[in-house]
């Protein structure tokens, strides 16, 4: 275990079912395994870190999420290779996922940054970058 490494990240979601379908598929594609499940949440784990989805109480869903507000801007995950970024890009498009920066793909992060950017069901920006 590395000092300062993330232990886990927890995301409140508007629809646990919809978000679990999206994130479960994505995380398993990247080598995560389902870890914990309970009526209001689900997590996936890879090595010592895990990502948790929790159903937001309806009284807090009114204003929704926007990455330009205070709080999380986006999550960035490593792919295994450029080839995996390309495969993921194709699969995301086939699934009808909202892609970001299409005009600059796969170099939206700069000439030395090979990645795909897209949104989850709550419009949280996700980046998957090649090493």
C-alpha atoms as a PDB file:
ATOM      1  CA  UNK A   1       0.000   0.000   0.000  1.00  0.00           C
ATOM      2  CA  UNK A   2       1.344   3.429  -0.942  1.00  0.00           C
ATOM      3  CA  UNK A   3       0.976   6.339   1.452  1.00  0.00           C
ATOM      4  CA  UNK A   4      -1.440   8.820  -0.086  1.00  0.00           C
ATOM      5  CA  UNK A   5      -2.930   6.374  -2.611  1.00  0.00           C
ATOM      6  CA  UNK A   6      -6.711   6.459  -2.899  1.00  0.00           C
ATOM      7  CA  UNK A   7      -8.514   3.964  -0.699  1.00  0.00           C
ATOM      8  CA  UNK A   8     -11.887   4.500  -2.377  1.00  0.00           C
ATOM      9  CA  UNK A   9     -14.040   7.042  -4.193  1.00  0.00           C
ATOM     10  CA  UNK A  10     -17.768   7.255  -3.513  1.00  0.00           C
ATOM     11  CA  UNK A  11     -20.231   8.753  -6.000  1.00  0.00           C
ATOM     12  CA  UNK A  12     -23.828   9.628  -5.190  1.00  0.00           C
ATOM     13  CA  UNK A  13     -26.021   8.784  -8.193  1.00  0.00           C
ATOM     14  CA  UNK A  14     -29.550   9.647  -9.273  1.00  0.00           C
ATOM     15  CA  UNK A  15     -30.396   6.069 -10.360  1.00  0.00           C
ATOM     16  CA  UNK A  16     -28.419   3.237  -8.814  1.00  0.00           C
ATOM     17  CA  UNK A  17     -29.680   0.739 -11.394  1.00  0.00           C
ATOM     18  CA  UNK A  18     -28.739   2.900 -14.387  1.00  0.00           C
ATOM     19  CA  UNK A  19     -25.370   3.892 -12.937  1.00  0.00           C
ATOM     20  CA  UNK A  20     -24.509   0.304 -11.954  1.00  0.00           C
ATOM     21  CA  UNK A  21     -25.175  -0.833 -15.521  1.00  0.00           C
ATOM     22  CA  UNK A  22     -22.903   1.914 -16.878  1.00  0.00           C
ATOM     23  CA  UNK A  23     -20.096   1.832 -14.299  1.00  0.00           C
ATOM     24  CA  UNK A  24     -20.175  -1.946 -13.833  1.00  0.00           C
ATOM     25  CA  UNK A  25     -19.583  -2.513 -17.523  1.00  0.00           C
ATOM     26  CA  UNK A  26     -16.865   0.152 -17.704  1.00  0.00           C
ATOM     27  CA  UNK A  27     -15.004  -0.891 -14.562  1.00  0.00           C
ATOM     28  CA  UNK A  28     -15.094  -4.582 -15.455  1.00  0.00           C
ATOM     29  CA  UNK A  29     -13.726  -3.681 -18.908  1.00  0.00           C
ATOM     30  CA  UNK A  30     -10.815  -2.012 -17.063  1.00  0.00           C
ATOM     31  CA  UNK A  31     -10.191  -5.027 -14.812  1.00  0.00           C
ATOM     32  CA  UNK A  32     -12.247  -4.218 -11.708  1.00  0.00           C
ATOM     33  CA  UNK A  33     -14.377  -6.830  -9.965  1.00  0.00           C
ATOM     34  CA  UNK A  34     -17.699  -6.405  -8.223  1.00  0.00           C
ATOM     35  CA  UNK A  35     -16.837  -5.997  -4.544  1.00  0.00           C
ATOM     36  CA  UNK A  36     -19.779  -5.061  -2.297  1.00  0.00           C
ATOM     37  CA  UNK A  37     -23.511  -4.781  -2.912  1.00  0.00           C
ATOM     38  CA  UNK A  38     -26.378  -3.610  -0.701  1.00  0.00           C
ATOM     39  CA  UNK A  39     -29.816  -2.110  -1.433  1.00  0.00           C
ATOM     40  CA  UNK A  40     -28.529   1.488  -1.656  1.00  0.00           C
ATOM     41  CA  UNK A  41     -25.113   0.850  -3.188  1.00  0.00           C
ATOM     42  CA  UNK A  42     -22.570  -1.188  -5.105  1.00  0.00           C
ATOM     43  CA  UNK A  43     -18.780  -1.118  -5.343  1.00  0.00           C
ATOM     44  CA  UNK A  44     -16.084  -2.436  -7.659  1.00  0.00           C
ATOM     45  CA  UNK A  45     -12.513  -3.141  -6.612  1.00  0.00           C
ATOM     46  CA  UNK A  46      -9.127  -3.338  -8.283  1.00  0.00           C
ATOM     47  CA  UNK A  47      -6.189  -4.176  -6.046  1.00  0.00           C
ATOM     48  CA  UNK A  48      -6.394  -1.976  -2.932  1.00  0.00           C
ATOM     49  CA  UNK A  49      -8.774   0.691  -4.274  1.00  0.00           C
ATOM     50  CA  UNK A  50     -12.476   0.639  -4.972  1.00  0.00           C
ATOM     51  CA  UNK A  51     -15.205   2.822  -6.436  1.00  0.00           C
ATOM     52  CA  UNK A  52     -18.589   3.024  -4.716  1.00  0.00           C
ATOM     53  CA  UNK A  53     -21.957   4.090  -6.129  1.00  0.00           C
ATOM     54  CA  UNK A  54     -24.664   5.136  -3.667  1.00  0.00           C
ATOM     55  CA  UNK A  55     -28.291   5.949  -4.437  1.00  0.00           C
ATOM     56  CA  UNK A  56     -28.942   9.606  -3.621  1.00  0.00           C
ATOM     57  CA  UNK A  57     -31.935  10.297  -1.409  1.00  0.00           C
ATOM     58  CA  UNK A  58     -34.643  11.817  -3.654  1.00  0.00           C
ATOM     59  CA  UNK A  59     -34.778  14.983  -1.558  1.00  0.00           C
ATOM     60  CA  UNK A  60     -31.217  15.791  -2.761  1.00  0.00           C
ATOM     61  CA  UNK A  61     -31.569  15.060  -6.486  1.00  0.00           C
ATOM     62  CA  UNK A  62     -33.383  18.262  -7.499  1.00  0.00           C
ATOM     63  CA  UNK A  63     -30.410  20.385  -8.546  1.00  0.00           C
ATOM     64  CA  UNK A  64     -28.567  17.514 -10.228  1.00  0.00           C
ATOM     65  CA  UNK A  65     -24.852  17.376 -10.939  1.00  0.00           C
ATOM     66  CA  UNK A  66     -22.705  19.688 -13.024  1.00  0.00           C
ATOM     67  CA  UNK A  67     -18.923  19.454 -13.252  1.00  0.00           C
ATOM     68  CA  UNK A  68     -18.555  23.239 -13.486  1.00  0.00           C
ATOM     69  CA  UNK A  69     -19.979  23.690  -9.970  1.00  0.00           C
ATOM     70  CA  UNK A  70     -17.944  23.290  -6.801  1.00  0.00           C
ATOM     71  CA  UNK A  71     -16.986  19.660  -6.349  1.00  0.00           C
ATOM     72  CA  UNK A  72     -15.765  16.913  -8.614  1.00  0.00           C
ATOM     73  CA  UNK A  73     -14.821  17.913 -12.167  1.00  0.00           C
ATOM     74  CA  UNK A  74     -14.049  14.437 -13.515  1.00  0.00           C
ATOM     75  CA  UNK A  75     -12.607  11.009 -12.829  1.00  0.00           C
ATOM     76  CA  UNK A  76      -9.605   9.778 -14.826  1.00  0.00           C
ATOM     77  CA  UNK A  77      -8.728   6.102 -15.053  1.00  0.00           C
ATOM     78  CA  UNK A  78      -5.824   4.373 -16.778  1.00  0.00           C
ATOM     79  CA  UNK A  79      -6.344   2.079 -19.719  1.00  0.00           C
ATOM     80  CA  UNK A  80      -3.805  -0.653 -20.369  1.00  0.00           C
ATOM     81  CA  UNK A  81      -2.787   0.708 -23.763  1.00  0.00           C
ATOM     82  CA  UNK A  82      -3.747   2.971 -26.656  1.00  0.00           C
ATOM     83  CA  UNK A  83      -5.368  -0.041 -28.260  1.00  0.00           C
ATOM     84  CA  UNK A  84      -7.621  -0.446 -25.213  1.00  0.00           C
ATOM     85  CA  UNK A  85      -8.566   3.263 -25.407  1.00  0.00           C
ATOM     86  CA  UNK A  86      -9.513   2.718 -29.060  1.00  0.00           C
ATOM     87  CA  UNK A  87     -11.549  -0.379 -28.243  1.00  0.00           C
ATOM     88  CA  UNK A  88     -13.300   1.402 -25.384  1.00  0.00           C
ATOM     89  CA  UNK A  89     -14.067   4.369 -27.653  1.00  0.00           C
ATOM     90  CA  UNK A  90     -15.742   2.056 -30.159  1.00  0.00           C
ATOM     91  CA  UNK A  91     -17.736   0.278 -27.435  1.00  0.00           C
ATOM     92  CA  UNK A  92     -18.860   3.567 -25.865  1.00  0.00           C
ATOM     93  CA  UNK A  93     -20.066   4.848 -29.236  1.00  0.00           C
ATOM     94  CA  UNK A  94     -21.894   1.553 -29.873  1.00  0.00           C
ATOM     95  CA  UNK A  95     -23.642   1.990 -26.511  1.00  0.00           C
ATOM     96  CA  UNK A  96     -24.693   5.553 -27.366  1.00  0.00           C
ATOM     97  CA  UNK A  97     -22.660   7.115 -24.543  1.00  0.00           C
ATOM     98  CA  UNK A  98     -22.282  10.906 -24.669  1.00  0.00           C
ATOM     99  CA  UNK A  99     -18.752  11.456 -25.989  1.00  0.00           C
ATOM    100  CA  UNK A 100     -16.851  14.664 -25.212  1.00  0.00           C
ATOM    101  CA  UNK A 101     -14.287  16.585 -27.294  1.00  0.00           C
ATOM    102  CA  UNK A 102     -15.024  14.484 -30.392  1.00  0.00           C
ATOM    103  CA  UNK A 103     -13.294  17.038 -32.613  1.00  0.00           C
ATOM    104  CA  UNK A 104     -10.001  16.542 -30.724  1.00  0.00           C
ATOM    105  CA  UNK A 105     -10.197  12.818 -29.953  1.00  0.00           C
ATOM    106  CA  UNK A 106      -7.934  11.074 -28.926  1.00  0.00           C
ATOM    107  CA  UNK A 107      -5.667  14.053 -28.161  1.00  0.00           C
ATOM    108  CA  UNK A 108      -8.141  16.320 -26.319  1.00  0.00           C
ATOM    109  CA  UNK A 109      -5.750  16.419 -23.360  1.00  0.00           C
ATOM    110  CA  UNK A 110      -2.825  17.518 -25.532  1.00  0.00           C
ATOM    111  CA  UNK A 111      -0.480  16.042 -28.147  1.00  0.00           C
ATOM    112  CA  UNK A 112       1.123  13.599 -25.704  1.00  0.00           C
ATOM    113  CA  UNK A 113      -2.097  12.571 -23.928  1.00  0.00           C
ATOM    114  CA  UNK A 114      -4.002   9.711 -25.599  1.00  0.00           C
ATOM    115  CA  UNK A 115      -7.446   9.401 -24.005  1.00  0.00           C
ATOM    116  CA  UNK A 116     -11.191   9.166 -24.444  1.00  0.00           C
ATOM    117  CA  UNK A 117     -13.547  11.542 -22.610  1.00  0.00           C
ATOM    118  CA  UNK A 118     -17.237  10.814 -22.038  1.00  0.00           C
ATOM    119  CA  UNK A 119     -20.106  11.262 -19.568  1.00  0.00           C
ATOM    120  CA  UNK A 120     -21.773   8.828 -17.190  1.00  0.00           C
ATOM    121  CA  UNK A 121     -25.595   8.755 -16.803  1.00  0.00           C
ATOM    122  CA  UNK A 122     -25.477  11.717 -14.366  1.00  0.00           C
ATOM    123  CA  UNK A 123     -23.173  13.641 -16.731  1.00  0.00           C
ATOM    124  CA  UNK A 124     -20.056  13.128 -14.619  1.00  0.00           C
ATOM    125  CA  UNK A 125     -17.091  13.483 -16.957  1.00  0.00           C
ATOM    126  CA  UNK A 126     -14.951  10.350 -17.202  1.00  0.00           C
ATOM    127  CA  UNK A 127     -11.541  10.119 -18.840  1.00  0.00           C
ATOM    128  CA  UNK A 128      -9.737   6.904 -19.704  1.00  0.00           C
ATOM    129  CA  UNK A 129      -6.121   7.557 -20.620  1.00  0.00           C
ATOM    130  CA  UNK A 130      -3.430   5.339 -22.109  1.00  0.00           C
ATOM    131  CA  UNK A 131      -0.173   5.022 -20.148  1.00  0.00           C
END
